[in-house]
Amino acid sequence: MKRKIRILILVTIILILLKFWVGIYIHDEFGGKHLFIKHRPIWKTFFYSPRGMSDLKLSEMSLEEQNEQILFDEFILRSQTIE
């Protein structure tokens, strides 16, 4: 019984760590989903660019879209090369 509880706790800890350090982004041009390692821990897992390939400026977006775009820029564009 104790062994099962320890295994359950270990699995839970691993899943929480993965949630903080592994993310998925949707490619802004082709739409494919890609797995990546985050450069800092954040609860957010799925990243996308509301701007996509358009010339839309950050000031023209809603507050929610601005936040999504800022996170996409930080975690995908600045930290990695998009494939």
N, C-alpha and C. Protein backbone atom coordinates (compact mmCIF):
# COMPACT_ATOMS: atom_id res chain seq x y z
N MET A 1 0.82 -1.20 0.00
CA MET A 1 0.00 0.00 0.00
C MET A 1 0.86 1.26 0.00
N LYS A 2 1.90 1.29 0.85
CA LYS A 2 2.77 2.45 0.91
C LYS A 2 3.52 2.65 -0.40
N ARG A 3 3.87 1.56 -1.04
CA ARG A 3 4.59 1.65 -2.32
C ARG A 3 3.71 2.29 -3.39
N LYS A 4 2.45 1.93 -3.44
CA LYS A 4 1.52 2.51 -4.41
C LYS A 4 1.35 4.01 -4.18
N ILE A 5 1.27 4.40 -2.94
CA ILE A 5 1.13 5.83 -2.62
C ILE A 5 2.38 6.58 -3.03
N ARG A 6 3.55 6.03 -2.78
CA ARG A 6 4.82 6.67 -3.18
C ARG A 6 4.91 6.81 -4.69
N ILE A 7 4.51 5.77 -5.39
CA ILE A 7 4.53 5.83 -6.85
C ILE A 7 3.55 6.88 -7.36
N LEU A 8 2.38 6.94 -6.79
CA LEU A 8 1.38 7.94 -7.16
C LEU A 8 1.90 9.36 -6.91
N ILE A 9 2.53 9.57 -5.77
CA ILE A 9 3.10 10.88 -5.45
C ILE A 9 4.22 11.23 -6.43
N LEU A 10 5.07 10.29 -6.75
CA LEU A 10 6.16 10.51 -7.69
C LEU A 10 5.63 10.87 -9.08
N VAL A 11 4.64 10.15 -9.55
CA VAL A 11 4.04 10.42 -10.85
C VAL A 11 3.39 11.80 -10.87
N THR A 12 2.73 12.16 -9.79
CA THR A 12 2.10 13.47 -9.69
C THR A 12 3.14 14.58 -9.74
N ILE A 13 4.23 14.41 -9.03
CA ILE A 13 5.30 15.41 -9.04
C ILE A 13 5.90 15.54 -10.43
N ILE A 14 6.12 14.44 -11.11
CA ILE A 14 6.68 14.47 -12.46
C ILE A 14 5.73 15.19 -13.42
N LEU A 15 4.44 14.91 -13.32
CA LEU A 15 3.46 15.58 -14.18
C LEU A 15 3.41 17.09 -13.93
N ILE A 16 3.49 17.49 -12.68
CA ILE A 16 3.49 18.92 -12.37
C ILE A 16 4.74 19.59 -12.91
N LEU A 17 5.90 18.94 -12.76
CA LEU A 17 7.13 19.50 -13.32
C LEU A 17 7.06 19.61 -14.84
N LEU A 18 6.50 18.61 -15.48
CA LEU A 18 6.33 18.67 -16.94
C LEU A 18 5.41 19.82 -17.33
N LYS A 19 4.36 20.03 -16.57
CA LYS A 19 3.42 21.12 -16.85
C LYS A 19 4.14 22.48 -16.81
N PHE A 20 5.06 22.64 -15.87
CA PHE A 20 5.80 23.90 -15.74
C PHE A 20 6.88 24.07 -16.80
N TRP A 21 7.50 23.00 -17.27
CA TRP A 21 8.69 23.12 -18.11
C TRP A 21 8.52 22.68 -19.56
N VAL A 22 7.43 22.03 -19.91
CA VAL A 22 7.22 21.58 -21.29
C VAL A 22 5.98 22.27 -21.84
N GLY A 23 6.09 22.75 -23.08
CA GLY A 23 4.98 23.44 -23.69
C GLY A 23 4.72 22.95 -25.11
N ILE A 24 3.60 23.37 -25.65
CA ILE A 24 3.21 23.05 -27.02
C ILE A 24 2.85 24.36 -27.69
N TYR A 25 3.40 24.61 -28.87
CA TYR A 25 3.00 25.80 -29.60
C TYR A 25 2.45 25.42 -30.97
N ILE A 26 1.55 26.26 -31.44
CA ILE A 26 0.98 26.08 -32.77
C ILE A 26 1.73 27.01 -33.70
N HIS A 27 2.33 26.45 -34.73
CA HIS A 27 3.11 27.23 -35.68
C HIS A 27 2.22 28.31 -36.29
N ASP A 28 2.72 29.55 -36.30
CA ASP A 28 1.88 30.66 -36.74
C ASP A 28 1.65 30.70 -38.25
N GLU A 29 2.46 29.99 -39.02
CA GLU A 29 2.26 29.99 -40.47
C GLU A 29 1.60 28.70 -40.96
N PHE A 30 2.10 27.58 -40.50
CA PHE A 30 1.63 26.30 -41.03
C PHE A 30 0.63 25.59 -40.14
N GLY A 31 0.51 25.99 -38.89
CA GLY A 31 -0.50 25.43 -38.00
C GLY A 31 -0.14 24.13 -37.32
N GLY A 32 1.06 23.60 -37.54
CA GLY A 32 1.45 22.36 -36.88
C GLY A 32 1.74 22.57 -35.40
N LYS A 33 1.54 21.54 -34.61
CA LYS A 33 1.82 21.61 -33.18
C LYS A 33 3.21 21.07 -32.91
N HIS A 34 3.95 21.78 -32.04
CA HIS A 34 5.33 21.40 -31.72
C HIS A 34 5.55 21.44 -30.22
N LEU A 35 6.28 20.46 -29.73
CA LEU A 35 6.64 20.37 -28.32
C LEU A 35 7.93 21.16 -28.11
N PHE A 36 8.07 21.86 -26.98
CA PHE A 36 9.30 22.58 -26.70
C PHE A 36 9.52 22.66 -25.19
N ILE A 37 10.77 22.97 -24.82
CA ILE A 37 11.12 23.15 -23.41
C ILE A 37 11.11 24.65 -23.13
N LYS A 38 10.41 25.06 -22.09
CA LYS A 38 10.31 26.47 -21.73
C LYS A 38 11.60 26.94 -21.07
N HIS A 39 11.95 28.20 -21.28
CA HIS A 39 13.18 28.73 -20.69
C HIS A 39 12.99 29.15 -19.23
N ARG A 40 11.75 29.25 -18.79
CA ARG A 40 11.44 29.51 -17.38
C ARG A 40 10.11 28.82 -17.06
N PRO A 41 9.91 28.48 -15.79
CA PRO A 41 8.66 27.79 -15.45
C PRO A 41 7.46 28.72 -15.53
N ILE A 42 6.41 28.23 -16.14
CA ILE A 42 5.15 28.95 -16.24
C ILE A 42 4.05 27.89 -16.36
N TRP A 43 2.90 28.16 -15.77
CA TRP A 43 1.81 27.17 -15.76
C TRP A 43 1.23 26.95 -17.15
N LYS A 44 1.28 27.96 -18.01
CA LYS A 44 0.70 27.88 -19.36
C LYS A 44 1.38 26.78 -20.17
N THR A 45 0.59 26.00 -20.88
CA THR A 45 1.12 24.90 -21.67
C THR A 45 0.99 25.15 -23.17
N PHE A 46 -0.14 25.67 -23.61
CA PHE A 46 -0.39 25.86 -25.03
C PHE A 46 -0.15 27.32 -25.43
N PHE A 47 0.66 27.51 -26.47
CA PHE A 47 1.00 28.84 -26.94
C PHE A 47 0.60 28.96 -28.41
N TYR A 48 0.06 30.12 -28.76
CA TYR A 48 -0.28 30.40 -30.15
C TYR A 48 -0.13 31.89 -30.40
N SER A 49 -0.03 32.26 -31.66
CA SER A 49 0.11 33.66 -32.03
C SER A 49 -1.20 34.17 -32.60
N PRO A 50 -1.90 35.07 -31.87
CA PRO A 50 -3.13 35.63 -32.42
C PRO A 50 -2.86 36.47 -33.66
N ARG A 51 -1.66 37.00 -33.77
CA ARG A 51 -1.28 37.80 -34.92
C ARG A 51 -1.10 36.94 -36.16
N GLY A 52 -0.57 35.75 -35.95
CA GLY A 52 -0.29 34.86 -37.08
C GLY A 52 0.72 35.50 -38.01
N MET A 53 0.44 35.46 -39.29
CA MET A 53 1.35 36.04 -40.28
C MET A 53 0.86 37.40 -40.76
N SER A 54 -0.12 37.98 -40.09
CA SER A 54 -0.66 39.28 -40.49
C SER A 54 0.24 40.42 -39.99
N ASP A 55 -0.06 41.62 -40.40
CA ASP A 55 0.67 42.80 -39.98
C ASP A 55 -0.01 43.51 -38.81
N LEU A 56 -0.86 42.81 -38.11
CA LEU A 56 -1.61 43.37 -36.99
C LEU A 56 -0.64 43.83 -35.90
N LYS A 57 -0.85 45.05 -35.40
CA LYS A 57 0.00 45.58 -34.34
C LYS A 57 -0.56 45.18 -32.99
N LEU A 58 0.32 45.14 -32.01
CA LEU A 58 -0.07 44.76 -30.66
C LEU A 58 -1.15 45.69 -30.12
N SER A 59 -1.07 46.97 -30.43
CA SER A 59 -2.04 47.94 -29.92
C SER A 59 -3.43 47.75 -30.53
N GLU A 60 -3.52 47.03 -31.64
CA GLU A 60 -4.80 46.80 -32.31
C GLU A 60 -5.51 45.55 -31.80
N MET A 61 -4.85 44.81 -30.91
CA MET A 61 -5.42 43.57 -30.39
C MET A 61 -6.13 43.82 -29.07
N SER A 62 -7.01 42.89 -28.71
CA SER A 62 -7.64 42.95 -27.39
C SER A 62 -6.59 42.64 -26.33
N LEU A 63 -6.90 42.92 -25.09
CA LEU A 63 -5.95 42.69 -24.00
C LEU A 63 -5.56 41.21 -23.90
N GLU A 64 -6.53 40.33 -24.08
CA GLU A 64 -6.25 38.88 -24.03
C GLU A 64 -5.31 38.48 -25.18
N GLU A 65 -5.59 38.99 -26.37
CA GLU A 65 -4.73 38.68 -27.52
C GLU A 65 -3.33 39.26 -27.34
N GLN A 66 -3.24 40.44 -26.75
CA GLN A 66 -1.93 41.03 -26.48
C GLN A 66 -1.12 40.14 -25.55
N ASN A 67 -1.76 39.65 -24.48
CA ASN A 67 -1.07 38.77 -23.54
C ASN A 67 -0.61 37.49 -24.22
N GLU A 68 -1.45 36.90 -25.05
CA GLU A 68 -1.08 35.68 -25.79
C GLU A 68 0.10 35.95 -26.72
N GLN A 69 0.06 37.07 -27.41
CA GLN A 69 1.13 37.40 -28.36
C GLN A 69 2.45 37.66 -27.63
N ILE A 70 2.39 38.35 -26.51
CA ILE A 70 3.60 38.63 -25.73
C ILE A 70 4.23 37.33 -25.24
N LEU A 71 3.41 36.41 -24.74
CA LEU A 71 3.93 35.11 -24.30
C LEU A 71 4.49 34.31 -25.48
N PHE A 72 3.80 34.32 -26.62
CA PHE A 72 4.28 33.62 -27.80
C PHE A 72 5.63 34.19 -28.23
N ASP A 73 5.74 35.50 -28.26
CA ASP A 73 7.01 36.14 -28.64
C ASP A 73 8.13 35.76 -27.68
N GLU A 74 7.84 35.78 -26.38
CA GLU A 74 8.86 35.46 -25.38
C GLU A 74 9.31 34.01 -25.45
N PHE A 75 8.36 33.10 -25.48
CA PHE A 75 8.71 31.68 -25.37
C PHE A 75 9.06 31.04 -26.70
N ILE A 76 8.52 31.52 -27.80
CA ILE A 76 8.75 30.86 -29.08
C ILE A 76 9.72 31.65 -29.95
N LEU A 77 9.41 32.89 -30.22
CA LEU A 77 10.21 33.66 -31.17
C LEU A 77 11.57 34.04 -30.60
N ARG A 78 11.63 34.51 -29.37
CA ARG A 78 12.92 34.95 -28.80
C ARG A 78 13.76 33.80 -28.29
N SER A 79 13.13 32.74 -27.82
CA SER A 79 13.86 31.64 -27.19
C SER A 79 14.26 30.54 -28.15
N GLN A 80 13.58 30.45 -29.28
CA GLN A 80 13.83 29.33 -30.17
C GLN A 80 13.68 29.76 -31.62
N THR A 81 14.10 28.88 -32.47
CA THR A 81 13.83 29.10 -33.88
C THR A 81 12.61 28.28 -34.24
N ILE A 82 11.65 28.90 -34.88
CA ILE A 82 10.45 28.18 -35.30
C ILE A 82 10.82 27.26 -36.45
N GLU A 83 10.38 26.04 -36.38
CA GLU A 83 10.66 25.06 -37.43
C GLU A 83 9.60 25.11 -38.49
